[in-house]
Amino acid sequence: MPVLAGCGADSPARSGVKAEKHAEQPPLPKSHPKLVEPVAGQVASGAPAEDNSGGIAKEPATPKPTEAASGTLSRKDTPSAINGGTHNATALDNGVALPPLEAPTEVLKIIEAGNSIARTPYKWGGGHGRFLDNGYDCSGSVSFALYAAGLIGGPEVAAGLMHWGKPGKGKWITVYANAGHTYMEVAGIRFDTSGAKVTGSRWQNELRTNAGFVARHPPGL
């Protein structure tokens, strides 16, 4: 086949060099293609697999699949159903929480703020006179984290949080409050000063009974 003139190639007329005639090559053998329908678990005829010894080894046949691959994974096996997966946070042994893979910005900010005070000591009235304190009580802790996410205007006492936000449980954030105590659940884990007496951190994977508490949540969350 002659070389076409174009980018990076000169024609014989422009270069002044006569094109050499290539030696005659023997004709290629004629192929006779045959349509073969592939079968799962079998090696195509004429295409044996090589083994590591340099020889040719025939791949053993494997059993045919009996059901669709998608049918082997149930909903309970998906990442969103396990702690620390797509929609659930995880309280780590070092006292901080790992946010879920998918969460609103407010949830990420609450977890980040909660991590910053998770191992600070309990201090009655802490976080109420000022947010940056050397210790926090239950309502001071919850208020601190909510404020970091822009969900509250300032520190609230436990009784005040009984009327904060919207009534009922939220999708991502739920604050539980009564006249004497408050805590919250964020992305499936608990932020609670009472738990810190046992674990040393306000974050725990274990939830607690909410009997006697009012449930409140931020709108849309």
C-alpha atoms as a PDB file:
ATOM      1  CA  MET A   1       0.000   0.000   0.000  1.00  0.00           C
ATOM      2  CA  PRO A   2       1.566   3.385  -0.918  1.00  0.00           C
ATOM      3  CA  VAL A   3       2.263   5.909   1.841  1.00  0.00           C
ATOM      4  CA  LEU A   4      -0.231   8.774   1.795  1.00  0.00           C
ATOM      5  CA  ALA A   5       1.042  12.338   1.869  1.00  0.00           C
ATOM      6  CA  GLY A   6       0.021  14.223   5.032  1.00  0.00           C
ATOM      7  CA  CYS A   7       1.330  15.327   8.461  1.00  0.00           C
ATOM      8  CA  GLY A   8       4.790  13.866   8.974  1.00  0.00           C
ATOM      9  CA  ALA A   9       4.952  12.106   5.569  1.00  0.00           C
ATOM     10  CA  ASP A  10       6.383  13.439   2.290  1.00  0.00           C
ATOM     11  CA  SER A  11       5.323  12.198  -1.121  1.00  0.00           C
ATOM     12  CA  PRO A  12       8.060  10.804  -3.467  1.00  0.00           C
ATOM     13  CA  ALA A  13       7.578  13.803  -5.748  1.00  0.00           C
ATOM     14  CA  ARG A  14       8.362  16.332  -2.982  1.00  0.00           C
ATOM     15  CA  SER A  15      11.254  14.464  -1.410  1.00  0.00           C
ATOM     16  CA  GLY A  16      12.960  13.628  -4.695  1.00  0.00           C
ATOM     17  CA  VAL A  17      13.458  10.062  -3.561  1.00  0.00           C
ATOM     18  CA  LYS A  18      11.937   7.208  -5.486  1.00  0.00           C
ATOM     19  CA  ALA A  19       9.773   4.936  -3.448  1.00  0.00           C
ATOM     20  CA  GLU A  20      11.312   1.517  -3.034  1.00  0.00           C
ATOM     21  CA  LYS A  21       9.328  -1.466  -4.155  1.00  0.00           C
ATOM     22  CA  HIS A  22       8.848  -3.909  -1.303  1.00  0.00           C
ATOM     23  CA  ALA A  23       9.695  -7.511  -1.824  1.00  0.00           C
ATOM     24  CA  GLU A  24       6.795  -9.729  -2.717  1.00  0.00           C
ATOM     25  CA  GLN A  25       5.264 -11.441   0.350  1.00  0.00           C
ATOM     26  CA  PRO A  26       3.398 -14.733   0.270  1.00  0.00           C
ATOM     27  CA  PRO A  27      -0.407 -14.334   0.456  1.00  0.00           C
ATOM     28  CA  LEU A  28      -2.043 -14.581   3.851  1.00  0.00           C
ATOM     29  CA  PRO A  29      -3.953 -17.799   4.543  1.00  0.00           C
ATOM     30  CA  LYS A  30      -7.684 -17.492   4.153  1.00  0.00           C
ATOM     31  CA  SER A  31      -9.584 -17.666   7.434  1.00  0.00           C
ATOM     32  CA  HIS A  32     -12.867 -19.450   7.906  1.00  0.00           C
ATOM     33  CA  PRO A  33     -14.561 -17.783  10.917  1.00  0.00           C
ATOM     34  CA  LYS A  34     -17.238 -19.734  12.730  1.00  0.00           C
ATOM     35  CA  LEU A  35     -19.870 -18.208  15.024  1.00  0.00           C
ATOM     36  CA  VAL A  36     -19.679 -19.805  18.486  1.00  0.00           C
ATOM     37  CA  GLU A  37     -22.017 -18.873  21.336  1.00  0.00           C
ATOM     38  CA  PRO A  38     -20.046 -18.524  24.601  1.00  0.00           C
ATOM     39  CA  VAL A  39     -21.062 -20.746  27.507  1.00  0.00           C
ATOM     40  CA  ALA A  40     -20.506 -19.632  31.108  1.00  0.00           C
ATOM     41  CA  GLY A  41     -17.770 -21.598  32.869  1.00  0.00           C
ATOM     42  CA  GLN A  42     -16.155 -22.993  29.690  1.00  0.00           C
ATOM     43  CA  VAL A  43     -13.017 -22.006  27.777  1.00  0.00           C
ATOM     44  CA  ALA A  44     -13.515 -21.193  24.119  1.00  0.00           C
ATOM     45  CA  SER A  45     -12.257 -23.855  21.686  1.00  0.00           C
ATOM     46  CA  GLY A  46      -8.852 -23.019  20.253  1.00  0.00           C
ATOM     47  CA  ALA A  47      -7.964 -20.674  23.133  1.00  0.00           C
ATOM     48  CA  PRO A  48      -6.352 -22.809  25.863  1.00  0.00           C
ATOM     49  CA  ALA A  49      -4.918 -21.084  28.940  1.00  0.00           C
ATOM     50  CA  GLU A  50      -1.178 -21.015  29.600  1.00  0.00           C
ATOM     51  CA  ASP A  51       0.169 -22.347  32.870  1.00  0.00           C
ATOM     52  CA  ASN A  52       3.157 -20.895  34.773  1.00  0.00           C
ATOM     53  CA  SER A  53       5.481 -23.659  33.585  1.00  0.00           C
ATOM     54  CA  GLY A  54       5.435 -22.352  30.016  1.00  0.00           C
ATOM     55  CA  GLY A  55       3.290 -25.187  28.699  1.00  0.00           C
ATOM     56  CA  ILE A  56      -0.320 -25.151  27.662  1.00  0.00           C
ATOM     57  CA  ALA A  57      -2.916 -26.201  30.198  1.00  0.00           C
ATOM     58  CA  LYS A  58      -6.628 -26.544  29.706  1.00  0.00           C
ATOM     59  CA  GLU A  59      -8.655 -24.526  32.212  1.00  0.00           C
ATOM     60  CA  PRO A  60     -11.049 -26.737  34.160  1.00  0.00           C
ATOM     61  CA  ALA A  61     -14.716 -26.130  33.606  1.00  0.00           C
ATOM     62  CA  THR A  62     -16.586 -24.360  36.402  1.00  0.00           C
ATOM     63  CA  PRO A  63     -20.231 -24.871  37.300  1.00  0.00           C
ATOM     64  CA  LYS A  64     -22.768 -22.689  35.548  1.00  0.00           C
ATOM     65  CA  PRO A  65     -24.366 -19.922  37.647  1.00  0.00           C
ATOM     66  CA  THR A  66     -27.811 -20.832  38.881  1.00  0.00           C
ATOM     67  CA  GLU A  67     -29.080 -17.320  39.710  1.00  0.00           C
ATOM     68  CA  ALA A  68     -28.402 -13.695  38.943  1.00  0.00           C
ATOM     69  CA  ALA A  69     -25.487 -12.148  40.832  1.00  0.00           C
ATOM     70  CA  SER A  70     -27.664  -9.309  42.117  1.00  0.00           C
ATOM     71  CA  GLY A  71     -29.887 -11.813  43.883  1.00  0.00           C
ATOM     72  CA  THR A  72     -27.149 -12.818  46.338  1.00  0.00           C
ATOM     73  CA  LEU A  73     -26.953  -9.418  48.109  1.00  0.00           C
ATOM     74  CA  SER A  74     -29.739  -8.528  50.480  1.00  0.00           C
ATOM     75  CA  ARG A  75     -30.587  -5.034  51.703  1.00  0.00           C
ATOM     76  CA  LYS A  76     -29.319  -5.822  55.191  1.00  0.00           C
ATOM     77  CA  ASP A  77     -25.830  -6.446  53.736  1.00  0.00           C
ATOM     78  CA  THR A  78     -25.500  -2.990  52.204  1.00  0.00           C
ATOM     79  CA  PRO A  79     -23.138  -0.439  53.840  1.00  0.00           C
ATOM     80  CA  SER A  80     -26.023   1.831  54.883  1.00  0.00           C
ATOM     81  CA  ALA A  81     -27.215  -0.815  57.339  1.00  0.00           C
ATOM     82  CA  ILE A  82     -23.986  -1.169  59.330  1.00  0.00           C
ATOM     83  CA  ASN A  83     -22.482   1.218  61.817  1.00  0.00           C
ATOM     84  CA  GLY A  84     -19.893   3.437  60.226  1.00  0.00           C
ATOM     85  CA  GLY A  85     -21.359   2.845  56.767  1.00  0.00           C
ATOM     86  CA  THR A  86     -23.074   5.184  54.365  1.00  0.00           C
ATOM     87  CA  HIS A  87     -25.564   6.759  56.793  1.00  0.00           C
ATOM     88  CA  ASN A  88     -24.311   5.789  60.269  1.00  0.00           C
ATOM     89  CA  ALA A  89     -21.518   7.338  62.316  1.00  0.00           C
ATOM     90  CA  THR A  90     -19.194   5.318  64.555  1.00  0.00           C
ATOM     91  CA  ALA A  91     -17.842   6.161  68.012  1.00  0.00           C
ATOM     92  CA  LEU A  92     -14.179   5.143  68.051  1.00  0.00           C
ATOM     93  CA  ASP A  93     -12.122   3.822  70.958  1.00  0.00           C
ATOM     94  CA  ASN A  94     -10.122   7.062  71.098  1.00  0.00           C
ATOM     95  CA  GLY A  95     -13.255   8.962  72.131  1.00  0.00           C
ATOM     96  CA  VAL A  96     -14.138  10.734  68.893  1.00  0.00           C
ATOM     97  CA  ALA A  97     -16.756   9.897  66.272  1.00  0.00           C
ATOM     98  CA  LEU A  98     -16.237   8.997  62.639  1.00  0.00           C
ATOM     99  CA  PRO A  99     -18.869  10.660  60.427  1.00  0.00           C
ATOM    100  CA  PRO A 100     -20.868   8.648  57.893  1.00  0.00           C
ATOM    101  CA  LEU A 101     -19.920   8.604  54.224  1.00  0.00           C
ATOM    102  CA  GLU A 102     -23.081  10.446  53.259  1.00  0.00           C
ATOM    103  CA  ALA A 103     -24.496  13.102  55.566  1.00  0.00           C
ATOM    104  CA  PRO A 104     -25.670  16.715  55.434  1.00  0.00           C
ATOM    105  CA  THR A 105     -23.163  19.444  56.239  1.00  0.00           C
ATOM    106  CA  GLU A 106     -24.895  20.143  59.554  1.00  0.00           C
ATOM    107  CA  VAL A 107     -24.286  16.569  60.703  1.00  0.00           C
ATOM    108  CA  LEU A 108     -20.611  16.771  59.798  1.00  0.00           C
ATOM    109  CA  LYS A 109     -20.260  20.040  61.722  1.00  0.00           C
ATOM    110  CA  ILE A 110     -22.002  18.614  64.802  1.00  0.00           C
ATOM    111  CA  ILE A 111     -19.687  15.601  64.830  1.00  0.00           C
ATOM    112  CA  GLU A 112     -16.614  17.781  64.343  1.00  0.00           C
ATOM    113  CA  ALA A 113     -17.655  20.107  67.174  1.00  0.00           C
ATOM    114  CA  GLY A 114     -18.630  17.185  69.390  1.00  0.00           C
ATOM    115  CA  ASN A 115     -15.211  15.613  68.804  1.00  0.00           C
ATOM    116  CA  SER A 116     -13.489  18.782  70.014  1.00  0.00           C
ATOM    117  CA  ILE A 117     -15.109  18.544  73.464  1.00  0.00           C
ATOM    118  CA  ALA A 118     -15.869  14.802  73.619  1.00  0.00           C
ATOM    119  CA  ARG A 119     -13.239  14.084  76.286  1.00  0.00           C
ATOM    120  CA  THR A 120     -13.386  17.320  78.254  1.00  0.00           C
ATOM    121  CA  PRO A 121     -14.535  16.941  81.875  1.00  0.00           C
ATOM    122  CA  TYR A 122     -18.099  17.351  83.048  1.00  0.00           C
ATOM    123  CA  LYS A 123     -18.583  20.785  84.603  1.00  0.00           C
ATOM    124  CA  TRP A 124     -21.911  21.941  86.003  1.00  0.00           C
ATOM    125  CA  GLY A 125     -22.871  25.104  84.113  1.00  0.00           C
ATOM    126  CA  GLY A 126     -19.982  24.606  81.702  1.00  0.00           C
ATOM    127  CA  GLY A 127     -20.571  26.024  78.229  1.00  0.00           C
ATOM    128  CA  HIS A 128     -23.313  28.399  79.355  1.00  0.00           C
ATOM    129  CA  GLY A 129     -21.405  31.501  80.412  1.00  0.00           C
ATOM    130  CA  ARG A 130     -19.154  31.044  77.382  1.00  0.00           C
ATOM    131  CA  PHE A 131     -18.964  28.399  74.663  1.00  0.00           C
ATOM    132  CA  LEU A 132     -15.176  28.019  74.882  1.00  0.00           C
ATOM    133  CA  ASP A 133     -14.890  26.493  78.348  1.00  0.00           C
ATOM    134  CA  ASN A 134     -12.703  23.991  80.177  1.00  0.00           C
ATOM    135  CA  GLY A 135     -15.672  21.696  80.840  1.00  0.00           C
ATOM    136  CA  TYR A 136     -19.308  21.252  79.846  1.00  0.00           C
ATOM    137  CA  ASP A 137     -22.506  19.950  81.372  1.00  0.00           C
ATOM    138  CA  CYS A 138     -25.135  18.013  79.403  1.00  0.00           C
ATOM    139  CA  SER A 139     -27.017  20.961  77.919  1.00  0.00           C
ATOM    140  CA  GLY A 140     -23.821  22.935  77.419  1.00  0.00           C
ATOM    141  CA  SER A 141     -22.378  20.053  75.400  1.00  0.00           C
ATOM    142  CA  VAL A 142     -25.451  19.659  73.195  1.00  0.00           C
ATOM    143  CA  SER A 143     -25.776  23.416  72.694  1.00  0.00           C
ATOM    144  CA  PHE A 144     -22.091  23.700  71.738  1.00  0.00           C
ATOM    145  CA  ALA A 145     -22.436  21.099  68.972  1.00  0.00           C
ATOM    146  CA  LEU A 146     -25.748  22.483  67.682  1.00  0.00           C
ATOM    147  CA  TYR A 147     -24.352  26.018  67.609  1.00  0.00           C
ATOM    148  CA  ALA A 148     -21.370  24.892  65.507  1.00  0.00           C
ATOM    149  CA  ALA A 149     -23.844  23.625  62.895  1.00  0.00           C
ATOM    150  CA  GLY A 150     -25.873  26.852  62.977  1.00  0.00           C
ATOM    151  CA  LEU A 151     -28.908  25.105  64.488  1.00  0.00           C
ATOM    152  CA  ILE A 152     -29.236  27.091  67.710  1.00  0.00           C
ATOM    153  CA  GLY A 153     -28.700  30.736  68.594  1.00  0.00           C
ATOM    154  CA  GLY A 154     -26.869  30.203  71.898  1.00  0.00           C
ATOM    155  CA  PRO A 155     -26.563  27.983  74.981  1.00  0.00           C
ATOM    156  CA  GLU A 156     -29.788  26.432  76.250  1.00  0.00           C
ATOM    157  CA  VAL A 157     -30.530  24.589  79.491  1.00  0.00           C
ATOM    158  CA  ALA A 158     -32.122  21.131  79.365  1.00  0.00           C
ATOM    159  CA  ALA A 159     -35.627  22.492  80.023  1.00  0.00           C
ATOM    160  CA  GLY A 160     -35.186  24.967  77.180  1.00  0.00           C
ATOM    161  CA  LEU A 161     -34.198  22.219  74.758  1.00  0.00           C
ATOM    162  CA  MET A 162     -37.554  20.564  75.453  1.00  0.00           C
ATOM    163  CA  HIS A 163     -39.058  23.275  73.233  1.00  0.00           C
ATOM    164  CA  TRP A 164     -36.254  23.649  70.672  1.00  0.00           C
ATOM    165  CA  GLY A 165     -36.764  22.741  67.011  1.00  0.00           C
ATOM    166  CA  LYS A 166     -39.632  20.510  65.903  1.00  0.00           C
ATOM    167  CA  PRO A 167     -41.337  17.755  67.928  1.00  0.00           C
ATOM    168  CA  GLY A 168     -40.456  14.121  67.327  1.00  0.00           C
ATOM    169  CA  LYS A 169     -37.437  12.203  66.093  1.00  0.00           C
ATOM    170  CA  GLY A 170     -35.374  13.518  63.209  1.00  0.00           C
ATOM    171  CA  LYS A 171     -33.800  11.650  60.311  1.00  0.00           C
ATOM    172  CA  TRP A 172     -30.240  12.575  61.295  1.00  0.00           C
ATOM    173  CA  ILE A 173     -30.404  14.497  64.584  1.00  0.00           C
ATOM    174  CA  THR A 174     -32.653  13.994  67.613  1.00  0.00           C
ATOM    175  CA  VAL A 175     -32.278  15.874  70.900  1.00  0.00           C
ATOM    176  CA  TYR A 176     -33.811  14.178  73.952  1.00  0.00           C
ATOM    177  CA  ALA A 177     -34.491  16.474  76.891  1.00  0.00           C
ATOM    178  CA  ASN A 178     -36.355  16.672  80.185  1.00  0.00           C
ATOM    179  CA  ALA A 179     -36.137  19.095  83.093  1.00  0.00           C
ATOM    180  CA  GLY A 180     -32.956  17.501  84.462  1.00  0.00           C
ATOM    181  CA  HIS A 181     -30.956  16.056  81.570  1.00  0.00           C
ATOM    182  CA  THR A 182     -30.446  16.210  77.814  1.00  0.00           C
ATOM    183  CA  TYR A 183     -28.516  14.266  75.198  1.00  0.00           C
ATOM    184  CA  MET A 184     -28.763  13.713  71.457  1.00  0.00           C
ATOM    185  CA  GLU A 185     -28.472  11.038  68.811  1.00  0.00           C
ATOM    186  CA  VAL A 186     -26.559  11.982  65.662  1.00  0.00           C
ATOM    187  CA  ALA A 187     -26.400   9.661  62.644  1.00  0.00           C
ATOM    188  CA  GLY A 188     -27.206   6.637  64.801  1.00  0.00           C
ATOM    189  CA  ILE A 189     -24.828   7.215  67.756  1.00  0.00           C
ATOM    190  CA  ARG A 190     -25.277   8.977  71.117  1.00  0.00           C
ATOM    191  CA  PHE A 191     -23.706  12.210  72.392  1.00  0.00           C
ATOM    192  CA  ASP A 192     -24.274  12.169  76.147  1.00  0.00           C
ATOM    193  CA  THR A 193     -22.337  13.318  79.228  1.00  0.00           C
ATOM    194  CA  SER A 194     -23.808  10.484  81.289  1.00  0.00           C
ATOM    195  CA  GLY A 195     -22.059   7.980  79.036  1.00  0.00           C
ATOM    196  CA  ALA A 196     -18.753   9.798  79.544  1.00  0.00           C
ATOM    197  CA  LYS A 197     -18.698   8.515  83.140  1.00  0.00           C
ATOM    198  CA  VAL A 198     -18.179   5.025  81.717  1.00  0.00           C
ATOM    199  CA  THR A 199     -16.297   5.514  78.436  1.00  0.00           C
ATOM    200  CA  GLY A 200     -14.512   8.804  79.080  1.00  0.00           C
ATOM    201  CA  SER A 201     -16.176  10.290  75.990  1.00  0.00           C
ATOM    202  CA  ARG A 202     -19.511  11.837  75.247  1.00  0.00           C
ATOM    203  CA  TRP A 203     -19.778   9.666  72.095  1.00  0.00           C
ATOM    204  CA  GLN A 204     -21.127   6.112  72.400  1.00  0.00           C
ATOM    205  CA  ASN A 205     -22.369   3.580  69.869  1.00  0.00           C
ATOM    206  CA  GLU A 206     -24.815   2.190  72.449  1.00  0.00           C
ATOM    207  CA  LEU A 207     -28.154   3.965  72.649  1.00  0.00           C
ATOM    208  CA  ARG A 208     -30.227   4.351  75.819  1.00  0.00           C
ATOM    209  CA  THR A 209     -33.890   4.330  76.673  1.00  0.00           C
ATOM    210  CA  ASN A 210     -35.611   7.623  75.902  1.00  0.00           C
ATOM    211  CA  ALA A 211     -38.485   7.081  78.344  1.00  0.00           C
ATOM    212  CA  GLY A 212     -39.287  10.287  80.177  1.00  0.00           C
ATOM    213  CA  PHE A 213     -37.613  12.485  77.527  1.00  0.00           C
ATOM    214  CA  VAL A 214     -39.089  14.804  74.936  1.00  0.00           C
ATOM    215  CA  ALA A 215     -37.756  14.212  71.418  1.00  0.00           C
ATOM    216  CA  ARG A 216     -36.972  17.253  69.290  1.00  0.00           C
ATOM    217  CA  HIS A 217     -35.205  17.707  65.958  1.00  0.00           C
ATOM    218  CA  PRO A 218     -34.064  20.493  63.638  1.00  0.00           C
ATOM    219  CA  PRO A 219     -36.404  21.055  60.663  1.00  0.00           C
ATOM    220  CA  GLY A 220     -35.445  18.903  57.701  1.00  0.00           C
ATOM    221  CA  LEU A 221     -32.879  16.890  59.628  1.00  0.00           C
END
